[in-house]
């Protein structure tokens, strides 16, 4: 569904807010994504 958007190559993470599964992976993935964001002016 996202193939024609800017998120075509975005990483994917599965999580459960109830059990906490995947939340640490999501935090690290967000870190990696944010490292690629251009610095603001």
ModelCIF file with pLDDT and N, C-alpha, C, O atoms, coordinates in Angstrom:
data_MODEL
#
_entry.id   MODEL 
#
_entity.id                         1 
_entity.type                       polymer 
_entity.pdbx_number_of_molecules   1 
#
_entity_poly.entity_id                      1 
_entity_poly.type                           'polypeptide(L)' 
_entity_poly.nstd_linkage                   no 
_entity_poly.nstd_monomer                   no 
_entity_poly.pdbx_seq_one_letter_code       
;(UNK)(UNK)(UNK)(UNK)(UNK)(UNK)(UNK)(UNK)(UNK)(UNK)(UNK)(UNK)(UNK)(UNK)(UNK)(UNK)
(UNK)(UNK)(UNK)(UNK)(UNK)(UNK)(UNK)(UNK)(UNK)(UNK)(UNK)(UNK)(UNK)(UNK)(UNK)(UNK)
(UNK)(UNK)(UNK)(UNK)(UNK)(UNK)(UNK)(UNK)(UNK)
;
_entity_poly.pdbx_seq_one_letter_code_can   XXXXXXXXXXXXXXXXXXXXXXXXXXXXXXXXXXXXXXXXX 
_entity_poly.pdbx_strand_id                 A 
#
loop_
_entity_poly_seq.entity_id 
_entity_poly_seq.num 
_entity_poly_seq.mon_id 
_entity_poly_seq.hetero 
1 1  UNK n 
1 2  UNK n 
1 3  UNK n 
1 4  UNK n 
1 5  UNK n 
1 6  UNK n 
1 7  UNK n 
1 8  UNK n 
1 9  UNK n 
1 10 UNK n 
1 11 UNK n 
1 12 UNK n 
1 13 UNK n 
1 14 UNK n 
1 15 UNK n 
1 16 UNK n 
1 17 UNK n 
1 18 UNK n 
1 19 UNK n 
1 20 UNK n 
1 21 UNK n 
1 22 UNK n 
1 23 UNK n 
1 24 UNK n 
1 25 UNK n 
1 26 UNK n 
1 27 UNK n 
1 28 UNK n 
1 29 UNK n 
1 30 UNK n 
1 31 UNK n 
1 32 UNK n 
1 33 UNK n 
1 34 UNK n 
1 35 UNK n 
1 36 UNK n 
1 37 UNK n 
1 38 UNK n 
1 39 UNK n 
1 40 UNK n 
1 41 UNK n 
#
_struct_asym.id          A 
_struct_asym.entity_id   1 
#
loop_
_ma_qa_metric.id 
_ma_qa_metric.mode 
_ma_qa_metric.name 
_ma_qa_metric.software_group_id 
_ma_qa_metric.type 
1 global pLDDT . pLDDT 
2 local  pLDDT . pLDDT 
#
_ma_qa_metric_global.metric_id      1 
_ma_qa_metric_global.metric_value   95.22 
_ma_qa_metric_global.model_id       1 
_ma_qa_metric_global.ordinal_id     1 
#
loop_
_ma_qa_metric_local.label_asym_id 
_ma_qa_metric_local.label_comp_id 
_ma_qa_metric_local.label_seq_id 
_ma_qa_metric_local.metric_id 
_ma_qa_metric_local.metric_value 
_ma_qa_metric_local.model_id 
_ma_qa_metric_local.ordinal_id 
A UNK 1  2 97.00 1 1  
A UNK 2  2 97.00 1 2  
A UNK 3  2 96.00 1 3  
A UNK 4  2 94.00 1 4  
A UNK 5  2 96.00 1 5  
A UNK 6  2 95.00 1 6  
A UNK 7  2 97.00 1 7  
A UNK 8  2 95.00 1 8  
A UNK 9  2 93.00 1 9  
A UNK 10 2 97.00 1 10 
A UNK 11 2 98.00 1 11 
A UNK 12 2 98.00 1 12 
A UNK 13 2 98.00 1 13 
A UNK 14 2 98.00 1 14 
A UNK 15 2 97.00 1 15 
A UNK 16 2 96.00 1 16 
A UNK 17 2 93.00 1 17 
A UNK 18 2 91.00 1 18 
A UNK 19 2 95.00 1 19 
A UNK 20 2 96.00 1 20 
A UNK 21 2 97.00 1 21 
A UNK 22 2 97.00 1 22 
A UNK 23 2 97.00 1 23 
A UNK 24 2 96.00 1 24 
A UNK 25 2 97.00 1 25 
A UNK 26 2 97.00 1 26 
A UNK 27 2 97.00 1 27 
A UNK 28 2 97.00 1 28 
A UNK 29 2 97.00 1 29 
A UNK 30 2 97.00 1 30 
A UNK 31 2 95.00 1 31 
A UNK 32 2 96.00 1 32 
A UNK 33 2 96.00 1 33 
A UNK 34 2 96.00 1 34 
A UNK 35 2 95.00 1 35 
A UNK 36 2 94.00 1 36 
A UNK 37 2 93.00 1 37 
A UNK 38 2 91.00 1 38 
A UNK 39 2 88.00 1 39 
A UNK 40 2 87.00 1 40 
A UNK 41 2 87.00 1 41 
#
loop_
_atom_site.group_PDB 
_atom_site.id 
_atom_site.type_symbol 
_atom_site.label_atom_id 
_atom_site.label_alt_id 
_atom_site.label_comp_id 
_atom_site.label_asym_id 
_atom_site.label_entity_id 
_atom_site.label_seq_id 
_atom_site.pdbx_PDB_ins_code 
_atom_site.Cartn_x 
_atom_site.Cartn_y 
_atom_site.Cartn_z 
_atom_site.occupancy 
_atom_site.B_iso_or_equiv 
_atom_site.pdbx_formal_charge 
_atom_site.auth_seq_id 
_atom_site.auth_comp_id 
_atom_site.auth_asym_id 
_atom_site.auth_atom_id 
_atom_site.pdbx_PDB_model_num 
ATOM 1   N N  . UNK A 1 1  ? 0.811  -1.207 0.000  1.00 97.00 ? 1  UNK A N  1 
ATOM 2   C CA . UNK A 1 1  ? 0.000  0.000  0.000  1.00 97.00 ? 1  UNK A CA 1 
ATOM 3   C C  . UNK A 1 1  ? 0.855  1.271  0.000  1.00 97.00 ? 1  UNK A C  1 
ATOM 4   O O  . UNK A 1 1  ? 0.442  2.299  -0.537 1.00 97.00 ? 1  UNK A O  1 
ATOM 5   N N  . UNK A 1 2  ? 2.026  1.198  0.594  1.00 97.00 ? 2  UNK A N  1 
ATOM 6   C CA . UNK A 1 2  ? 2.887  2.373  0.749  1.00 97.00 ? 2  UNK A CA 1 
ATOM 7   C C  . UNK A 1 2  ? 3.964  2.470  -0.329 1.00 97.00 ? 2  UNK A C  1 
ATOM 8   O O  . UNK A 1 2  ? 4.842  3.330  -0.255 1.00 97.00 ? 2  UNK A O  1 
ATOM 9   N N  . UNK A 1 3  ? 3.901  1.594  -1.329 1.00 96.00 ? 3  UNK A N  1 
ATOM 10  C CA . UNK A 1 3  ? 5.007  1.518  -2.297 1.00 96.00 ? 3  UNK A CA 1 
ATOM 11  C C  . UNK A 1 3  ? 5.173  2.786  -3.121 1.00 96.00 ? 3  UNK A C  1 
ATOM 12  O O  . UNK A 1 3  ? 6.271  3.063  -3.605 1.00 96.00 ? 3  UNK A O  1 
ATOM 13  N N  . UNK A 1 4  ? 4.100  3.568  -3.292 1.00 94.00 ? 4  UNK A N  1 
ATOM 14  C CA . UNK A 1 4  ? 4.196  4.795  -4.084 1.00 94.00 ? 4  UNK A CA 1 
ATOM 15  C C  . UNK A 1 4  ? 4.342  6.044  -3.223 1.00 94.00 ? 4  UNK A C  1 
ATOM 16  O O  . UNK A 1 4  ? 4.108  7.159  -3.689 1.00 94.00 ? 4  UNK A O  1 
ATOM 17  N N  . UNK A 1 5  ? 4.727  5.852  -1.972 1.00 96.00 ? 5  UNK A N  1 
ATOM 18  C CA . UNK A 1 5  ? 4.926  6.981  -1.063 1.00 96.00 ? 5  UNK A CA 1 
ATOM 19  C C  . UNK A 1 5  ? 6.387  7.053  -0.624 1.00 96.00 ? 5  UNK A C  1 
ATOM 20  O O  . UNK A 1 5  ? 7.200  6.203  -0.987 1.00 96.00 ? 5  UNK A O  1 
ATOM 21  N N  . UNK A 1 6  ? 6.706  8.075  0.159  1.00 95.00 ? 6  UNK A N  1 
ATOM 22  C CA . UNK A 1 6  ? 8.057  8.211  0.682  1.00 95.00 ? 6  UNK A CA 1 
ATOM 23  C C  . UNK A 1 6  ? 8.412  7.153  1.705  1.00 95.00 ? 6  UNK A C  1 
ATOM 24  O O  . UNK A 1 6  ? 9.575  7.042  2.095  1.00 95.00 ? 6  UNK A O  1 
ATOM 25  N N  . UNK A 1 7  ? 7.428  6.363  2.156  1.00 97.00 ? 7  UNK A N  1 
ATOM 26  C CA . UNK A 1 7  ? 7.677  5.308  3.138  1.00 97.00 ? 7  UNK A CA 1 
ATOM 27  C C  . UNK A 1 7  ? 7.863  3.942  2.485  1.00 97.00 ? 7  UNK A C  1 
ATOM 28  O O  . UNK A 1 7  ? 7.806  2.913  3.159  1.00 97.00 ? 7  UNK A O  1 
ATOM 29  N N  . UNK A 1 8  ? 8.085  3.935  1.174  1.00 95.00 ? 8  UNK A N  1 
ATOM 30  C CA . UNK A 1 8  ? 8.206  2.660  0.451  1.00 95.00 ? 8  UNK A CA 1 
ATOM 31  C C  . UNK A 1 8  ? 9.289  1.773  1.053  1.00 95.00 ? 8  UNK A C  1 
ATOM 32  O O  . UNK A 1 8  ? 9.115  0.556  1.130  1.00 95.00 ? 8  UNK A O  1 
ATOM 33  N N  . UNK A 1 9  ? 10.377 2.347  1.472  1.00 93.00 ? 9  UNK A N  1 
ATOM 34  C CA . UNK A 1 9  ? 11.471 1.552  2.027  1.00 93.00 ? 9  UNK A CA 1 
ATOM 35  C C  . UNK A 1 9  ? 11.577 1.638  3.530  1.00 93.00 ? 9  UNK A C  1 
ATOM 36  O O  . UNK A 1 9  ? 12.627 1.316  4.087  1.00 93.00 ? 9  UNK A O  1 
ATOM 37  N N  . UNK A 1 10 ? 10.520 2.065  4.210  1.00 97.00 ? 10 UNK A N  1 
ATOM 38  C CA . UNK A 1 10 ? 10.585 2.251  5.657  1.00 97.00 ? 10 UNK A CA 1 
ATOM 39  C C  . UNK A 1 10 ? 10.724 0.916  6.378  1.00 97.00 ? 10 UNK A C  1 
ATOM 40  O O  . UNK A 1 10 ? 10.130 -0.074 5.951  1.00 97.00 ? 10 UNK A O  1 
ATOM 41  N N  . UNK A 1 11 ? 11.493 0.867  7.460  1.00 98.00 ? 11 UNK A N  1 
ATOM 42  C CA . UNK A 1 11 ? 11.584 -0.368 8.242  1.00 98.00 ? 11 UNK A CA 1 
ATOM 43  C C  . UNK A 1 11 ? 10.260 -0.678 8.914  1.00 98.00 ? 11 UNK A C  1 
ATOM 44  O O  . UNK A 1 11 ? 9.458  0.225  9.151  1.00 98.00 ? 11 UNK A O  1 
ATOM 45  N N  . UNK A 1 12 ? 10.022 -1.942 9.223  1.00 98.00 ? 12 UNK A N  1 
ATOM 46  C CA . UNK A 1 12 ? 8.787  -2.366 9.880  1.00 98.00 ? 12 UNK A CA 1 
ATOM 47  C C  . UNK A 1 12 ? 9.115  -3.094 11.183 1.00 98.00 ? 12 UNK A C  1 
ATOM 48  O O  . UNK A 1 12 ? 10.052 -3.889 11.249 1.00 98.00 ? 12 UNK A O  1 
ATOM 49  N N  . UNK A 1 13 ? 8.329  -2.807 12.211 1.00 98.00 ? 13 UNK A N  1 
ATOM 50  C CA . UNK A 1 13 ? 8.523  -3.422 13.529 1.00 98.00 ? 13 UNK A CA 1 
ATOM 51  C C  . UNK A 1 13 ? 7.165  -3.842 14.059 1.00 98.00 ? 13 UNK A C  1 
ATOM 52  O O  . UNK A 1 13 ? 6.205  -3.073 14.003 1.00 98.00 ? 13 UNK A O  1 
ATOM 53  N N  . UNK A 1 14 ? 7.083  -5.070 14.575 1.00 98.00 ? 14 UNK A N  1 
ATOM 54  C CA . UNK A 1 14 ? 5.858  -5.544 15.211 1.00 98.00 ? 14 UNK A CA 1 
ATOM 55  C C  . UNK A 1 14 ? 5.985  -5.362 16.719 1.00 98.00 ? 14 UNK A C  1 
ATOM 56  O O  . UNK A 1 14 ? 7.025  -5.673 17.300 1.00 98.00 ? 14 UNK A O  1 
ATOM 57  N N  . UNK A 1 15 ? 4.926  -4.858 17.354 1.00 97.00 ? 15 UNK A N  1 
ATOM 58  C CA . UNK A 1 15 ? 4.965  -4.577 18.797 1.00 97.00 ? 15 UNK A CA 1 
ATOM 59  C C  . UNK A 1 15 ? 3.650  -4.984 19.448 1.00 97.00 ? 15 UNK A C  1 
ATOM 60  O O  . UNK A 1 15 ? 2.629  -5.189 18.791 1.00 97.00 ? 15 UNK A O  1 
ATOM 61  N N  . UNK A 1 16 ? 3.725  -5.089 20.748 1.00 96.00 ? 16 UNK A N  1 
ATOM 62  C CA . UNK A 1 16 ? 2.528  -5.234 21.574 1.00 96.00 ? 16 UNK A CA 1 
ATOM 63  C C  . UNK A 1 16 ? 2.660  -4.286 22.743 1.00 96.00 ? 16 UNK A C  1 
ATOM 64  O O  . UNK A 1 16 ? 3.546  -4.444 23.584 1.00 96.00 ? 16 UNK A O  1 
ATOM 65  N N  . UNK A 1 17 ? 1.781  -3.302 22.798 1.00 93.00 ? 17 UNK A N  1 
ATOM 66  C CA . UNK A 1 17 ? 1.827  -2.354 23.912 1.00 93.00 ? 17 UNK A CA 1 
ATOM 67  C C  . UNK A 1 17 ? 1.398  -3.010 25.206 1.00 93.00 ? 17 UNK A C  1 
ATOM 68  O O  . UNK A 1 17 ? 1.703  -2.502 26.285 1.00 93.00 ? 17 UNK A O  1 
ATOM 69  N N  . UNK A 1 18 ? 0.680  -4.153 25.118 1.00 91.00 ? 18 UNK A N  1 
ATOM 70  C CA . UNK A 1 18 ? 0.208  -4.850 26.321 1.00 91.00 ? 18 UNK A CA 1 
ATOM 71  C C  . UNK A 1 18 ? 1.334  -5.639 26.948 1.00 91.00 ? 18 UNK A C  1 
ATOM 72  O O  . UNK A 1 18 ? 1.549  -5.555 28.157 1.00 91.00 ? 18 UNK A O  1 
ATOM 73  N N  . UNK A 1 19 ? 2.064  -6.409 26.144 1.00 95.00 ? 19 UNK A N  1 
ATOM 74  C CA . UNK A 1 19 ? 3.152  -7.241 26.689 1.00 95.00 ? 19 UNK A CA 1 
ATOM 75  C C  . UNK A 1 19 ? 4.496  -6.528 26.683 1.00 95.00 ? 19 UNK A C  1 
ATOM 76  O O  . UNK A 1 19 ? 5.421  -6.933 27.387 1.00 95.00 ? 19 UNK A O  1 
ATOM 77  N N  . UNK A 1 20 ? 4.607  -5.458 25.883 1.00 96.00 ? 20 UNK A N  1 
ATOM 78  C CA . UNK A 1 20 ? 5.879  -4.749 25.759 1.00 96.00 ? 20 UNK A CA 1 
ATOM 79  C C  . UNK A 1 20 ? 6.779  -5.324 24.701 1.00 96.00 ? 20 UNK A C  1 
ATOM 80  O O  . UNK A 1 20 ? 7.863  -4.795 24.456 1.00 96.00 ? 20 UNK A O  1 
ATOM 81  N N  . UNK A 1 21 ? 6.348  -6.407 24.061 1.00 97.00 ? 21 UNK A N  1 
ATOM 82  C CA . UNK A 1 21 ? 7.170  -7.039 23.022 1.00 97.00 ? 21 UNK A CA 1 
ATOM 83  C C  . UNK A 1 21 ? 7.400  -6.069 21.866 1.00 97.00 ? 21 UNK A C  1 
ATOM 84  O O  . UNK A 1 21 ? 6.468  -5.418 21.394 1.00 97.00 ? 21 UNK A O  1 
ATOM 85  N N  . UNK A 1 22 ? 8.637  -5.983 21.423 1.00 97.00 ? 22 UNK A N  1 
ATOM 86  C CA . UNK A 1 22 ? 8.988  -5.176 20.259 1.00 97.00 ? 22 UNK A CA 1 
ATOM 87  C C  . UNK A 1 22 ? 9.199  -3.700 20.540 1.00 97.00 ? 22 UNK A C  1 
ATOM 88  O O  . UNK A 1 22 ? 9.664  -2.980 19.656 1.00 97.00 ? 22 UNK A O  1 
ATOM 89  N N  . UNK A 1 23 ? 8.876  -3.218 21.735 1.00 97.00 ? 23 UNK A N  1 
ATOM 90  C CA . UNK A 1 23 ? 9.007  -1.780 22.008 1.00 97.00 ? 23 UNK A CA 1 
ATOM 91  C C  . UNK A 1 23 ? 10.465 -1.333 22.001 1.00 97.00 ? 23 UNK A C  1 
ATOM 92  O O  . UNK A 1 23 ? 10.783 -0.260 21.488 1.00 97.00 ? 23 UNK A O  1 
ATOM 93  N N  . UNK A 1 24 ? 11.355 -2.155 22.569 1.00 96.00 ? 24 UNK A N  1 
ATOM 94  C CA . UNK A 1 24 ? 12.776 -1.783 22.546 1.00 96.00 ? 24 UNK A CA 1 
ATOM 95  C C  . UNK A 1 24 ? 13.316 -1.773 21.119 1.00 96.00 ? 24 UNK A C  1 
ATOM 96  O O  . UNK A 1 24 ? 14.104 -0.904 20.745 1.00 96.00 ? 24 UNK A O  1 
ATOM 97  N N  . UNK A 1 25 ? 12.873 -2.765 20.321 1.00 97.00 ? 25 UNK A N  1 
ATOM 98  C CA . UNK A 1 25 ? 13.294 -2.784 18.915 1.00 97.00 ? 25 UNK A CA 1 
ATOM 99  C C  . UNK A 1 25 ? 12.794 -1.542 18.189 1.00 97.00 ? 25 UNK A C  1 
ATOM 100 O O  . UNK A 1 25 ? 13.500 -0.958 17.366 1.00 97.00 ? 25 UNK A O  1 
ATOM 101 N N  . UNK A 1 26 ? 11.552 -1.146 18.512 1.00 97.00 ? 26 UNK A N  1 
ATOM 102 C CA . UNK A 1 26 ? 10.997 0.055  17.878 1.00 97.00 ? 26 UNK A CA 1 
ATOM 103 C C  . UNK A 1 26 ? 11.800 1.288  18.277 1.00 97.00 ? 26 UNK A C  1 
ATOM 104 O O  . UNK A 1 26 ? 12.075 2.150  17.443 1.00 97.00 ? 26 UNK A O  1 
ATOM 105 N N  . UNK A 1 27 ? 12.174 1.370  19.547 1.00 97.00 ? 27 UNK A N  1 
ATOM 106 C CA . UNK A 1 27 ? 12.971 2.531  19.990 1.00 97.00 ? 27 UNK A CA 1 
ATOM 107 C C  . UNK A 1 27 ? 14.296 2.595  19.226 1.00 97.00 ? 27 UNK A C  1 
ATOM 108 O O  . UNK A 1 27 ? 14.708 3.672  18.794 1.00 97.00 ? 27 UNK A O  1 
ATOM 109 N N  . UNK A 1 28 ? 14.954 1.470  19.061 1.00 97.00 ? 28 UNK A N  1 
ATOM 110 C CA . UNK A 1 28 ? 16.226 1.468  18.328 1.00 97.00 ? 28 UNK A CA 1 
ATOM 111 C C  . UNK A 1 28 ? 16.007 1.763  16.842 1.00 97.00 ? 28 UNK A C  1 
ATOM 112 O O  . UNK A 1 28 ? 16.815 2.441  16.208 1.00 97.00 ? 28 UNK A O  1 
ATOM 113 N N  . UNK A 1 29 ? 14.908 1.245  16.300 1.00 97.00 ? 29 UNK A N  1 
ATOM 114 C CA . UNK A 1 29 ? 14.623 1.512  14.887 1.00 97.00 ? 29 UNK A CA 1 
ATOM 115 C C  . UNK A 1 29 ? 14.342 2.995  14.672 1.00 97.00 ? 29 UNK A C  1 
ATOM 116 O O  . UNK A 1 29 ? 14.802 3.576  13.689 1.00 97.00 ? 29 UNK A O  1 
ATOM 117 N N  . UNK A 1 30 ? 13.587 3.613  15.589 1.00 97.00 ? 30 UNK A N  1 
ATOM 118 C CA . UNK A 1 30 ? 13.349 5.056  15.497 1.00 97.00 ? 30 UNK A CA 1 
ATOM 119 C C  . UNK A 1 30 ? 14.673 5.812  15.542 1.00 97.00 ? 30 UNK A C  1 
ATOM 120 O O  . UNK A 1 30 ? 14.866 6.777  14.803 1.00 97.00 ? 30 UNK A O  1 
ATOM 121 N N  . UNK A 1 31 ? 15.578 5.378  16.402 1.00 95.00 ? 31 UNK A N  1 
ATOM 122 C CA . UNK A 1 31 ? 16.902 6.001  16.488 1.00 95.00 ? 31 UNK A CA 1 
ATOM 123 C C  . UNK A 1 31 ? 17.609 5.961  15.140 1.00 95.00 ? 31 UNK A C  1 
ATOM 124 O O  . UNK A 1 31 ? 18.183 6.956  14.695 1.00 95.00 ? 31 UNK A O  1 
ATOM 125 N N  . UNK A 1 32 ? 17.560 4.786  14.491 1.00 96.00 ? 32 UNK A N  1 
ATOM 126 C CA . UNK A 1 32 ? 18.235 4.638  13.202 1.00 96.00 ? 32 UNK A CA 1 
ATOM 127 C C  . UNK A 1 32 ? 17.584 5.511  12.126 1.00 96.00 ? 32 UNK A C  1 
ATOM 128 O O  . UNK A 1 32 ? 18.276 6.120  11.310 1.00 96.00 ? 32 UNK A O  1 
ATOM 129 N N  . UNK A 1 33 ? 16.269 5.567  12.131 1.00 96.00 ? 33 UNK A N  1 
ATOM 130 C CA . UNK A 1 33 ? 15.574 6.392  11.149 1.00 96.00 ? 33 UNK A CA 1 
ATOM 131 C C  . UNK A 1 33 ? 15.884 7.864  11.367 1.00 96.00 ? 33 UNK A C  1 
ATOM 132 O O  . UNK A 1 33 ? 16.165 8.590  10.413 1.00 96.00 ? 33 UNK A O  1 
ATOM 133 N N  . UNK A 1 34 ? 15.834 8.308  12.617 1.00 96.00 ? 34 UNK A N  1 
ATOM 134 C CA . UNK A 1 34 ? 16.075 9.722  12.921 1.00 96.00 ? 34 UNK A CA 1 
ATOM 135 C C  . UNK A 1 34 ? 17.493 10.142 12.567 1.00 96.00 ? 34 UNK A C  1 
ATOM 136 O O  . UNK A 1 34 ? 17.743 11.310 12.269 1.00 96.00 ? 34 UNK A O  1 
ATOM 137 N N  . UNK A 1 35 ? 18.421 9.191  12.600 1.00 95.00 ? 35 UNK A N  1 
ATOM 138 C CA . UNK A 1 35 ? 19.809 9.518  12.239 1.00 95.00 ? 35 UNK A CA 1 
ATOM 139 C C  . UNK A 1 35 ? 19.927 9.880  10.765 1.00 95.00 ? 35 UNK A C  1 
ATOM 140 O O  . UNK A 1 35 ? 20.901 10.518 10.365 1.00 95.00 ? 35 UNK A O  1 
ATOM 141 N N  . UNK A 1 36 ? 18.948 9.483  9.949  1.00 94.00 ? 36 UNK A N  1 
ATOM 142 C CA . UNK A 1 36 ? 18.995 9.776  8.505  1.00 94.00 ? 36 UNK A CA 1 
ATOM 143 C C  . UNK A 1 36 ? 18.231 11.043 8.135  1.00 94.00 ? 36 UNK A C  1 
ATOM 144 O O  . UNK A 1 36 ? 18.288 11.485 6.987  1.00 94.00 ? 36 UNK A O  1 
ATOM 145 N N  . UNK A 1 37 ? 17.520 11.629 9.089  1.00 93.00 ? 37 UNK A N  1 
ATOM 146 C CA . UNK A 1 37 ? 16.728 12.823 8.801  1.00 93.00 ? 37 UNK A CA 1 
ATOM 147 C C  . UNK A 1 37 ? 17.664 14.018 8.659  1.00 93.00 ? 37 UNK A C  1 
ATOM 148 O O  . UNK A 1 37 ? 18.501 14.234 9.535  1.00 93.00 ? 37 UNK A O  1 
ATOM 149 N N  . UNK A 1 38 ? 17.553 14.807 7.579  1.00 91.00 ? 38 UNK A N  1 
ATOM 150 C CA . UNK A 1 38 ? 18.429 15.976 7.412  1.00 91.00 ? 38 UNK A CA 1 
ATOM 151 C C  . UNK A 1 38 ? 18.311 16.943 8.577  1.00 91.00 ? 38 UNK A C  1 
ATOM 152 O O  . UNK A 1 38 ? 17.232 17.131 9.140  1.00 91.00 ? 38 UNK A O  1 
ATOM 153 N N  . UNK A 1 39 ? 19.430 17.551 8.929  1.00 88.00 ? 39 UNK A N  1 
ATOM 154 C CA . UNK A 1 39 ? 19.424 18.519 10.024 1.00 88.00 ? 39 UNK A CA 1 
ATOM 155 C C  . UNK A 1 39 ? 18.567 19.725 9.648  1.00 88.00 ? 39 UNK A C  1 
ATOM 156 O O  . UNK A 1 39 ? 18.619 20.182 8.506  1.00 88.00 ? 39 UNK A O  1 
ATOM 157 N N  . UNK A 1 40 ? 17.791 20.239 10.575 1.00 87.00 ? 40 UNK A N  1 
ATOM 158 C CA . UNK A 1 40 ? 16.964 21.415 10.264 1.00 87.00 ? 40 UNK A CA 1 
ATOM 159 C C  . UNK A 1 40 ? 17.814 22.666 10.103 1.00 87.00 ? 40 UNK A C  1 
ATOM 160 O O  . UNK A 1 40 ? 18.963 22.714 10.540 1.00 87.00 ? 40 UNK A O  1 
ATOM 161 N N  . UNK A 1 41 ? 17.236 23.665 9.477  1.00 87.00 ? 41 UNK A N  1 
ATOM 162 C CA . UNK A 1 41 ? 17.925 24.937 9.270  1.00 87.00 ? 41 UNK A CA 1 
ATOM 163 C C  . UNK A 1 41 ? 17.833 25.760 10.552 1.00 87.00 ? 41 UNK A C  1 
ATOM 164 O O  . UNK A 1 41 ? 18.348 26.877 10.607 1.00 87.00 ? 41 UNK A O  1 
#
